[in-house]
């Protein structure tokens, strides 16, 4: 292996390691909320794990989780309201909604959701859509003047997250697209990240 290639391979190696750690974090979240509750000991375990794995602490969703758990445990107590909030956070991260169909996590969505301009805007659709097949949804965007791309780039204006996802969404291209969009957004760039429902409402107003 030549020296000029080694940094590239090191970067790819770190990326794979980070992916494995994020996969492990997802598994931990699923295990913690398997009984539908989170106690203080479990919250402290999550906090400890996130601190020990500081190399992914700046990546979503680890950054969101650590900040919220630190805040909740600052007084050494996890009260009922905080327990409920933490359960919801872990369910969102894992894409789990107990007793309901799987739906998209709302954590990375823009809040408030912006009004969408379709003419001249580039969209990326990710996840499974309740509004129709992927081709049908892409055709809706084109019909009102927008364009559709397969991957998130610096030129992407809007990422639309489909309402239906699988248990392992974070392992799939769906999760990777959101992760990339969040990275760009944290750098002060586009894209906006919106739910299918918001996107569909804006599409309907075009008529």
C-alpha atoms as a PDB file:
ATOM      1  CA  UNK A   1       0.000   0.000   0.000  1.00  0.00           C
ATOM      2  CA  UNK A   2       1.518   3.332  -1.013  1.00  0.00           C
ATOM      3  CA  UNK A   3       1.860   6.103   1.529  1.00  0.00           C
ATOM      4  CA  UNK A   4      -0.250   8.505  -0.515  1.00  0.00           C
ATOM      5  CA  UNK A   5      -3.182   6.059  -0.333  1.00  0.00           C
ATOM      6  CA  UNK A   6      -2.982   5.292   3.368  1.00  0.00           C
ATOM      7  CA  UNK A   7      -4.954   8.344   4.592  1.00  0.00           C
ATOM      8  CA  UNK A   8      -7.815   7.390   2.284  1.00  0.00           C
ATOM      9  CA  UNK A   9      -7.880   3.827   3.592  1.00  0.00           C
ATOM     10  CA  UNK A  10      -7.625   5.088   7.160  1.00  0.00           C
ATOM     11  CA  UNK A  11     -10.632   7.330   6.567  1.00  0.00           C
ATOM     12  CA  UNK A  12     -12.656   4.473   5.105  1.00  0.00           C
ATOM     13  CA  UNK A  13     -11.597   2.250   8.011  1.00  0.00           C
ATOM     14  CA  UNK A  14     -12.736   4.845  10.540  1.00  0.00           C
ATOM     15  CA  UNK A  15     -16.025   5.268   8.711  1.00  0.00           C
ATOM     16  CA  UNK A  16     -16.700   1.521   8.926  1.00  0.00           C
ATOM     17  CA  UNK A  17     -15.773   1.519  12.614  1.00  0.00           C
ATOM     18  CA  UNK A  18     -18.097   4.463  13.262  1.00  0.00           C
ATOM     19  CA  UNK A  19     -20.885   2.645  11.427  1.00  0.00           C
ATOM     20  CA  UNK A  20     -20.409  -0.414  13.629  1.00  0.00           C
ATOM     21  CA  UNK A  21     -20.532   1.724  16.767  1.00  0.00           C
ATOM     22  CA  UNK A  22     -23.695   3.480  15.594  1.00  0.00           C
ATOM     23  CA  UNK A  23     -25.208   0.068  14.839  1.00  0.00           C
ATOM     24  CA  UNK A  24     -24.257  -1.022  18.356  1.00  0.00           C
ATOM     25  CA  UNK A  25     -25.859   2.122  19.782  1.00  0.00           C
ATOM     26  CA  UNK A  26     -29.075   1.337  17.929  1.00  0.00           C
ATOM     27  CA  UNK A  27     -29.064  -2.167  19.376  1.00  0.00           C
ATOM     28  CA  UNK A  28     -28.540  -0.798  22.879  1.00  0.00           C
ATOM     29  CA  UNK A  29     -31.475   1.604  22.441  1.00  0.00           C
ATOM     30  CA  UNK A  30     -33.721  -1.241  21.291  1.00  0.00           C
ATOM     31  CA  UNK A  31     -32.668  -3.364  24.271  1.00  0.00           C
ATOM     32  CA  UNK A  32     -33.170  -0.591  26.814  1.00  0.00           C
ATOM     33  CA  UNK A  33     -36.727   0.180  25.706  1.00  0.00           C
ATOM     34  CA  UNK A  34     -37.762  -3.436  25.127  1.00  0.00           C
ATOM     35  CA  UNK A  35     -39.939  -3.211  28.235  1.00  0.00           C
ATOM     36  CA  UNK A  36     -41.273   0.240  27.333  1.00  0.00           C
ATOM     37  CA  UNK A  37     -39.513   2.034  30.190  1.00  0.00           C
ATOM     38  CA  UNK A  38     -36.101   3.517  31.051  1.00  0.00           C
ATOM     39  CA  UNK A  39     -34.773   3.693  34.608  1.00  0.00           C
ATOM     40  CA  UNK A  40     -31.924   5.784  36.000  1.00  0.00           C
ATOM     41  CA  UNK A  41     -29.414   2.925  35.855  1.00  0.00           C
ATOM     42  CA  UNK A  42     -30.178   2.355  32.158  1.00  0.00           C
ATOM     43  CA  UNK A  43     -29.868   6.085  31.443  1.00  0.00           C
ATOM     44  CA  UNK A  44     -26.522   6.157  33.247  1.00  0.00           C
ATOM     45  CA  UNK A  45     -25.349   3.150  31.233  1.00  0.00           C
ATOM     46  CA  UNK A  46     -26.245   4.930  27.995  1.00  0.00           C
ATOM     47  CA  UNK A  47     -24.487   8.078  29.189  1.00  0.00           C
ATOM     48  CA  UNK A  48     -21.363   6.092  30.103  1.00  0.00           C
ATOM     49  CA  UNK A  49     -21.348   4.262  26.747  1.00  0.00           C
ATOM     50  CA  UNK A  50     -21.650   7.523  24.809  1.00  0.00           C
ATOM     51  CA  UNK A  51     -18.837   9.129  26.803  1.00  0.00           C
ATOM     52  CA  UNK A  52     -16.566   6.108  26.243  1.00  0.00           C
ATOM     53  CA  UNK A  53     -17.289   6.242  22.505  1.00  0.00           C
ATOM     54  CA  UNK A  54     -16.476   9.930  22.164  1.00  0.00           C
ATOM     55  CA  UNK A  55     -15.289   9.449  18.578  1.00  0.00           C
ATOM     56  CA  UNK A  56     -18.943   9.258  17.456  1.00  0.00           C
ATOM     57  CA  UNK A  57     -20.221  11.803  19.982  1.00  0.00           C
ATOM     58  CA  UNK A  58     -20.554  14.468  17.285  1.00  0.00           C
ATOM     59  CA  UNK A  59     -22.547  12.237  14.944  1.00  0.00           C
ATOM     60  CA  UNK A  60     -26.321  12.093  14.900  1.00  0.00           C
ATOM     61  CA  UNK A  61     -28.035  10.551  16.825  1.00  0.00           C
ATOM     62  CA  UNK A  62     -25.266  10.144  19.443  1.00  0.00           C
ATOM     63  CA  UNK A  63     -24.847  13.924  19.816  1.00  0.00           C
ATOM     64  CA  UNK A  64     -28.561  14.456  20.478  1.00  0.00           C
ATOM     65  CA  UNK A  65     -28.746  11.576  22.934  1.00  0.00           C
ATOM     66  CA  UNK A  66     -25.701  12.547  25.001  1.00  0.00           C
ATOM     67  CA  UNK A  67     -26.781  16.169  25.342  1.00  0.00           C
ATOM     68  CA  UNK A  68     -30.289  15.232  26.477  1.00  0.00           C
ATOM     69  CA  UNK A  69     -29.169  12.480  28.880  1.00  0.00           C
ATOM     70  CA  UNK A  70     -26.535  14.777  30.417  1.00  0.00           C
ATOM     71  CA  UNK A  71     -29.255  17.366  31.011  1.00  0.00           C
ATOM     72  CA  UNK A  72     -31.665  14.830  32.489  1.00  0.00           C
ATOM     73  CA  UNK A  73     -29.106  13.347  34.885  1.00  0.00           C
ATOM     74  CA  UNK A  74     -27.522  16.640  35.941  1.00  0.00           C
ATOM     75  CA  UNK A  75     -29.391  16.522  39.273  1.00  0.00           C
ATOM     76  CA  UNK A  76     -28.819  12.777  39.752  1.00  0.00           C
ATOM     77  CA  UNK A  77     -32.525  12.027  39.357  1.00  0.00           C
ATOM     78  CA  UNK A  78     -34.554  10.757  36.422  1.00  0.00           C
ATOM     79  CA  UNK A  79     -38.107  11.868  37.152  1.00  0.00           C
ATOM     80  CA  UNK A  80     -41.273  10.564  35.492  1.00  0.00           C
ATOM     81  CA  UNK A  81     -41.383  13.325  32.868  1.00  0.00           C
ATOM     82  CA  UNK A  82     -37.739  12.758  31.972  1.00  0.00           C
ATOM     83  CA  UNK A  83     -38.293   9.003  31.772  1.00  0.00           C
ATOM     84  CA  UNK A  84     -41.147   9.536  29.327  1.00  0.00           C
ATOM     85  CA  UNK A  85     -39.098  11.942  27.248  1.00  0.00           C
ATOM     86  CA  UNK A  86     -36.139   9.543  27.168  1.00  0.00           C
ATOM     87  CA  UNK A  87     -38.335   6.626  26.113  1.00  0.00           C
ATOM     88  CA  UNK A  88     -39.686   8.754  23.249  1.00  0.00           C
ATOM     89  CA  UNK A  89     -36.149   9.802  22.265  1.00  0.00           C
ATOM     90  CA  UNK A  90     -34.881   6.207  22.171  1.00  0.00           C
ATOM     91  CA  UNK A  91     -37.952   5.076  20.241  1.00  0.00           C
ATOM     92  CA  UNK A  92     -37.391   7.839  17.694  1.00  0.00           C
ATOM     93  CA  UNK A  93     -33.723   6.921  17.311  1.00  0.00           C
ATOM     94  CA  UNK A  94     -34.536   3.237  16.855  1.00  0.00           C
ATOM     95  CA  UNK A  95     -37.539   3.953  14.598  1.00  0.00           C
ATOM     96  CA  UNK A  96     -39.813   2.050  16.989  1.00  0.00           C
ATOM     97  CA  UNK A  97     -43.389   3.007  17.831  1.00  0.00           C
ATOM     98  CA  UNK A  98     -44.877   0.504  20.259  1.00  0.00           C
ATOM     99  CA  UNK A  99     -48.266  -0.813  19.170  1.00  0.00           C
ATOM    100  CA  UNK A 100     -48.179   1.162  15.906  1.00  0.00           C
ATOM    101  CA  UNK A 101     -46.813   0.805  12.415  1.00  0.00           C
ATOM    102  CA  UNK A 102     -43.197   1.755  11.956  1.00  0.00           C
ATOM    103  CA  UNK A 103     -42.895   5.434  11.157  1.00  0.00           C
ATOM    104  CA  UNK A 104     -40.034   7.777  10.447  1.00  0.00           C
ATOM    105  CA  UNK A 105     -38.085   9.322  13.290  1.00  0.00           C
ATOM    106  CA  UNK A 106     -38.816  13.015  13.685  1.00  0.00           C
ATOM    107  CA  UNK A 107     -35.480  13.845  15.309  1.00  0.00           C
ATOM    108  CA  UNK A 108     -33.663  15.330  12.298  1.00  0.00           C
ATOM    109  CA  UNK A 109     -36.668  17.106  10.753  1.00  0.00           C
ATOM    110  CA  UNK A 110     -36.621  20.895  10.417  1.00  0.00           C
ATOM    111  CA  UNK A 111     -38.675  22.519  13.145  1.00  0.00           C
ATOM    112  CA  UNK A 112     -40.618  24.494  12.171  1.00  0.00           C
ATOM    113  CA  UNK A 113     -41.025  22.850   8.793  1.00  0.00           C
ATOM    114  CA  UNK A 114     -40.339  25.363   6.011  1.00  0.00           C
ATOM    115  CA  UNK A 115     -42.651  26.218   3.130  1.00  0.00           C
ATOM    116  CA  UNK A 116     -41.349  24.278   0.150  1.00  0.00           C
ATOM    117  CA  UNK A 117     -40.509  25.866  -3.172  1.00  0.00           C
ATOM    118  CA  UNK A 118     -40.716  23.230  -5.895  1.00  0.00           C
ATOM    119  CA  UNK A 119     -39.808  25.128  -9.041  1.00  0.00           C
ATOM    120  CA  UNK A 120     -36.069  24.817  -9.596  1.00  0.00           C
ATOM    121  CA  UNK A 121     -35.505  22.878  -6.344  1.00  0.00           C
ATOM    122  CA  UNK A 122     -33.737  19.535  -6.079  1.00  0.00           C
ATOM    123  CA  UNK A 123     -35.369  16.847  -3.918  1.00  0.00           C
ATOM    124  CA  UNK A 124     -34.142  13.529  -2.536  1.00  0.00           C
ATOM    125  CA  UNK A 125     -36.800  11.071  -1.362  1.00  0.00           C
ATOM    126  CA  UNK A 126     -35.831   8.458   1.202  1.00  0.00           C
ATOM    127  CA  UNK A 127     -37.697   5.756   3.096  1.00  0.00           C
ATOM    128  CA  UNK A 128     -40.982   4.133   2.146  1.00  0.00           C
ATOM    129  CA  UNK A 129     -43.842   6.449   1.228  1.00  0.00           C
ATOM    130  CA  UNK A 130     -47.492   6.105   2.179  1.00  0.00           C
ATOM    131  CA  UNK A 131     -48.374   8.494  -0.685  1.00  0.00           C
ATOM    132  CA  UNK A 132     -47.447   6.004  -3.396  1.00  0.00           C
ATOM    133  CA  UNK A 133     -44.525   4.195  -4.973  1.00  0.00           C
ATOM    134  CA  UNK A 134     -41.176   5.931  -5.209  1.00  0.00           C
ATOM    135  CA  UNK A 135     -41.714   6.576  -8.937  1.00  0.00           C
ATOM    136  CA  UNK A 136     -45.164   8.014  -8.305  1.00  0.00           C
ATOM    137  CA  UNK A 137     -43.827  10.352  -5.605  1.00  0.00           C
ATOM    138  CA  UNK A 138     -40.930  11.454  -7.802  1.00  0.00           C
ATOM    139  CA  UNK A 139     -43.419  12.186 -10.585  1.00  0.00           C
ATOM    140  CA  UNK A 140     -45.372  14.431  -8.193  1.00  0.00           C
ATOM    141  CA  UNK A 141     -42.256  16.533  -7.596  1.00  0.00           C
ATOM    142  CA  UNK A 142     -41.495  16.839 -11.305  1.00  0.00           C
ATOM    143  CA  UNK A 143     -45.117  17.751 -12.079  1.00  0.00           C
ATOM    144  CA  UNK A 144     -44.844  20.908  -9.948  1.00  0.00           C
ATOM    145  CA  UNK A 145     -41.487  22.002 -11.346  1.00  0.00           C
ATOM    146  CA  UNK A 146     -38.971  20.284  -9.078  1.00  0.00           C
ATOM    147  CA  UNK A 147     -36.260  17.760  -9.860  1.00  0.00           C
ATOM    148  CA  UNK A 148     -35.321  14.532  -8.089  1.00  0.00           C
ATOM    149  CA  UNK A 149     -31.885  13.052  -7.354  1.00  0.00           C
ATOM    150  CA  UNK A 150     -30.963   9.700  -5.838  1.00  0.00           C
ATOM    151  CA  UNK A 151     -28.248  10.888  -3.450  1.00  0.00           C
ATOM    152  CA  UNK A 152     -27.820  13.783  -1.038  1.00  0.00           C
ATOM    153  CA  UNK A 153     -25.201  16.314  -2.188  1.00  0.00           C
ATOM    154  CA  UNK A 154     -24.380  19.948  -1.485  1.00  0.00           C
ATOM    155  CA  UNK A 155     -26.834  20.841  -4.259  1.00  0.00           C
ATOM    156  CA  UNK A 156     -29.778  19.098  -2.587  1.00  0.00           C
ATOM    157  CA  UNK A 157     -32.475  21.521  -1.442  1.00  0.00           C
ATOM    158  CA  UNK A 158     -34.904  19.189   0.345  1.00  0.00           C
ATOM    159  CA  UNK A 159     -34.776  15.656   1.744  1.00  0.00           C
ATOM    160  CA  UNK A 160     -38.228  14.109   2.202  1.00  0.00           C
ATOM    161  CA  UNK A 161     -38.496  11.294   4.751  1.00  0.00           C
ATOM    162  CA  UNK A 162     -41.133   8.675   3.958  1.00  0.00           C
ATOM    163  CA  UNK A 163     -43.621   7.770   6.670  1.00  0.00           C
ATOM    164  CA  UNK A 164     -42.892   4.028   6.651  1.00  0.00           C
ATOM    165  CA  UNK A 165     -39.539   2.566   7.647  1.00  0.00           C
ATOM    166  CA  UNK A 166     -38.159  -0.791   8.702  1.00  0.00           C
ATOM    167  CA  UNK A 167     -36.833  -1.804  12.110  1.00  0.00           C
ATOM    168  CA  UNK A 168     -33.272  -1.472  10.809  1.00  0.00           C
ATOM    169  CA  UNK A 169     -33.627   1.868   9.017  1.00  0.00           C
ATOM    170  CA  UNK A 170     -30.364   3.255  10.331  1.00  0.00           C
ATOM    171  CA  UNK A 171     -28.465   0.384   8.669  1.00  0.00           C
ATOM    172  CA  UNK A 172     -29.899   1.119   5.239  1.00  0.00           C
ATOM    173  CA  UNK A 173     -29.487   3.793   2.559  1.00  0.00           C
ATOM    174  CA  UNK A 174     -32.459   5.559   4.148  1.00  0.00           C
ATOM    175  CA  UNK A 175     -30.452   6.235   7.294  1.00  0.00           C
ATOM    176  CA  UNK A 176     -27.302   7.155   5.392  1.00  0.00           C
ATOM    177  CA  UNK A 177     -29.114   9.809   3.362  1.00  0.00           C
ATOM    178  CA  UNK A 178     -30.500  11.413   6.504  1.00  0.00           C
ATOM    179  CA  UNK A 179     -27.080  11.246   8.163  1.00  0.00           C
ATOM    180  CA  UNK A 180     -25.480  13.041   5.213  1.00  0.00           C
ATOM    181  CA  UNK A 181     -28.241  15.670   5.144  1.00  0.00           C
ATOM    182  CA  UNK A 182     -27.782  16.317   8.869  1.00  0.00           C
ATOM    183  CA  UNK A 183     -24.022  16.720   8.382  1.00  0.00           C
ATOM    184  CA  UNK A 184     -24.555  19.348   5.672  1.00  0.00           C
ATOM    185  CA  UNK A 185     -27.180  21.140   7.731  1.00  0.00           C
ATOM    186  CA  UNK A 186     -24.899  21.304  10.768  1.00  0.00           C
ATOM    187  CA  UNK A 187     -22.329  23.002   8.525  1.00  0.00           C
ATOM    188  CA  UNK A 188     -24.885  25.715   7.810  1.00  0.00           C
ATOM    189  CA  UNK A 189     -25.733  24.354   4.370  1.00  0.00           C
ATOM    190  CA  UNK A 190     -28.855  22.983   2.833  1.00  0.00           C
ATOM    191  CA  UNK A 191     -30.850  20.735   2.679  1.00  0.00           C
ATOM    192  CA  UNK A 192     -34.071  21.112   4.590  1.00  0.00           C
ATOM    193  CA  UNK A 193     -35.306  17.782   5.988  1.00  0.00           C
ATOM    194  CA  UNK A 194     -39.080  17.375   6.046  1.00  0.00           C
ATOM    195  CA  UNK A 195     -41.635  14.653   6.654  1.00  0.00           C
ATOM    196  CA  UNK A 196     -43.708  13.043   3.948  1.00  0.00           C
ATOM    197  CA  UNK A 197     -46.837  14.584   5.486  1.00  0.00           C
ATOM    198  CA  UNK A 198     -45.445  18.127   5.240  1.00  0.00           C
ATOM    199  CA  UNK A 199     -44.184  17.486   1.705  1.00  0.00           C
ATOM    200  CA  UNK A 200     -47.581  16.074   0.653  1.00  0.00           C
ATOM    201  CA  UNK A 201     -49.401  19.089   2.159  1.00  0.00           C
ATOM    202  CA  UNK A 202     -47.146  21.457   0.190  1.00  0.00           C
ATOM    203  CA  UNK A 203     -47.662  19.412  -2.992  1.00  0.00           C
ATOM    204  CA  UNK A 204     -51.437  19.606  -2.545  1.00  0.00           C
ATOM    205  CA  UNK A 205     -51.311  23.384  -2.148  1.00  0.00           C
ATOM    206  CA  UNK A 206     -49.655  23.632  -5.551  1.00  0.00           C
ATOM    207  CA  UNK A 207     -52.919  22.530  -7.123  1.00  0.00           C
END
